[in-house]
Protein backbone atom coordinates (compact mmCIF):
# COMPACT_ATOMS: atom_id res chain seq x y z
CA UNK A 1 112.21 78.03 58.22
CA UNK A 2 108.55 77.22 57.66
CA UNK A 3 108.67 74.64 60.48
CA UNK A 4 109.94 77.32 62.85
CA UNK A 5 107.09 79.63 61.82
CA UNK A 6 104.54 76.89 62.47
CA UNK A 7 106.09 76.22 65.89
CA UNK A 8 105.89 79.93 66.65
CA UNK A 9 102.21 79.99 65.66
CA UNK A 10 101.51 76.96 67.84
CA UNK A 11 103.27 78.61 70.79
CA UNK A 12 101.21 81.77 70.28
CA UNK A 13 98.01 79.71 70.11
CA UNK A 14 98.81 78.17 73.50
CA UNK A 15 99.77 81.60 74.83
CA UNK A 16 96.41 83.10 73.82
CA UNK A 17 94.54 80.46 75.82
CA UNK A 18 97.00 80.63 78.73
CA UNK A 19 97.08 84.44 78.78
CA UNK A 20 93.38 84.76 79.61
CA UNK A 21 93.90 82.85 82.86
CA UNK A 22 97.14 84.68 83.64
CA UNK A 23 95.55 88.12 83.27
CA UNK A 24 92.61 87.05 85.44
CA UNK A 25 94.95 85.70 88.11
CA UNK A 26 97.14 88.82 88.00
CA UNK A 27 94.06 90.91 88.83
CA UNK A 28 93.22 88.61 91.73
CA UNK A 29 96.75 88.65 93.15
CA UNK A 30 96.79 92.46 93.03
CA UNK A 31 93.76 92.45 95.34
CA UNK A 32 95.44 89.94 97.64
CA UNK A 33 98.67 91.95 97.73
CA UNK A 34 96.67 95.14 98.39
CA UNK A 35 95.59 94.02 101.84
CA UNK A 36 93.39 91.00 101.24
CA UNK A 37 96.17 88.43 101.61
CA UNK A 38 95.07 84.81 101.96
CA UNK A 39 96.86 81.76 103.36
CA UNK A 40 97.84 80.64 99.86
CA UNK A 41 98.81 84.05 98.44
CA UNK A 42 102.53 83.20 98.35
CA UNK A 43 101.88 79.97 96.42
CA UNK A 44 99.44 81.77 94.12
CA UNK A 45 102.02 84.49 93.51
CA UNK A 46 104.69 81.91 92.66
CA UNK A 47 102.39 80.23 90.12
CA UNK A 48 101.65 83.61 88.51
CA UNK A 49 105.35 84.46 88.31
CA UNK A 50 106.02 81.07 86.72
CA UNK A 51 103.25 81.71 84.18
CA UNK A 52 104.59 85.18 83.42
CA UNK A 53 108.07 83.75 82.88
CA UNK A 54 106.67 81.15 80.48
CA UNK A 55 104.86 83.83 78.47
CA UNK A 56 108.04 85.95 78.41
CA UNK A 57 109.93 82.97 76.98
CA UNK A 58 107.27 82.61 74.29
CA UNK A 59 107.59 86.32 73.49
CA UNK A 60 111.36 85.95 73.15
CA UNK A 61 110.90 83.07 70.73
CA UNK A 62 108.13 84.63 68.65
CA UNK A 63 108.76 88.39 68.69
CA UNK A 64 109.62 88.50 64.99
CA UNK A 65 106.27 86.88 64.16
CA UNK A 66 104.37 88.97 66.73
CA UNK A 67 105.70 92.17 65.18
CA UNK A 68 105.59 91.04 61.56
CA UNK A 69 104.13 93.80 59.41
CA UNK A 70 103.64 96.17 62.35
CA UNK A 71 104.74 96.61 65.94
CA UNK A 72 102.16 94.87 68.09
CA UNK A 73 104.35 94.61 71.19
CA UNK A 74 106.93 97.19 72.19
CA UNK A 75 109.73 94.94 73.44
CA UNK A 76 111.62 97.69 75.26
CA UNK A 77 108.57 98.99 77.15
CA UNK A 78 107.48 95.42 77.95
CA UNK A 79 110.95 94.51 79.24
CA UNK A 80 111.14 97.68 81.34
CA UNK A 81 107.87 96.82 83.09
CA UNK A 82 108.96 93.22 83.60
CA UNK A 83 112.22 94.41 85.17
CA UNK A 84 110.31 96.79 87.45
CA UNK A 85 108.05 93.92 88.54
CA UNK A 86 111.11 91.76 89.13
CA UNK A 87 112.53 94.38 91.46
CA UNK A 88 109.24 94.63 93.35
CA UNK A 89 109.04 90.84 93.67
CA UNK A 90 112.62 90.71 94.94
CA UNK A 91 111.77 93.31 97.58
CA UNK A 92 109.00 91.10 98.97
CA UNK A 93 106.93 94.22 99.66
CA UNK A 94 103.25 93.50 98.97
CA UNK A 95 102.39 97.12 98.13
CA UNK A 96 105.27 97.42 95.66
CA UNK A 97 104.33 94.11 94.06
CA UNK A 98 100.66 95.13 93.77
CA UNK A 99 101.67 98.39 92.09
CA UNK A 100 104.12 96.66 89.74
CA UNK A 101 101.56 94.01 88.72
CA UNK A 102 98.95 96.73 88.15
CA UNK A 103 101.37 98.54 85.82
CA UNK A 104 102.43 95.30 84.11
CA UNK A 105 98.90 94.02 83.56
CA UNK A 106 98.17 96.11 80.42
CA UNK A 107 101.34 94.74 78.80
CA UNK A 108 100.20 91.15 79.30
CA UNK A 109 96.71 92.07 78.09
CA UNK A 110 98.28 93.60 74.97
CA UNK A 111 100.43 90.50 74.51
CA UNK A 112 97.29 88.33 74.47
CA UNK A 113 95.65 90.65 71.94
CA UNK A 114 98.77 90.74 69.76
CA UNK A 115 99.09 86.96 69.77
CA UNK A 116 95.41 86.68 68.88
CA UNK A 117 95.87 89.03 65.92
CA UNK A 118 98.79 86.98 64.60
CA UNK A 119 97.11 83.59 64.81
């Protein structure tokens, strides 16, 4: 049990460092999807989606530790925004994706803060 807790803490430590870059890149991709598209926007978007998926996996494996003692991350609200973003991504519509990422951004910012509090 203690080993699992240490693994969770290590995962959150990596997430904290990773999350800073993800949040920064999410802000950049919103600008690109809002009319300032570049040649590599699709590749950039894919890397951001991959990073988001990795962080979501970490959340799924560490939620009990993240919310130990108090609720730091509202799983239902987080999941609802992730699902909305997934729908926007599936649509391929830049405007919808920009809006969904803008709405999702505070949840990833909060995730970084919550992970920082725990570690």
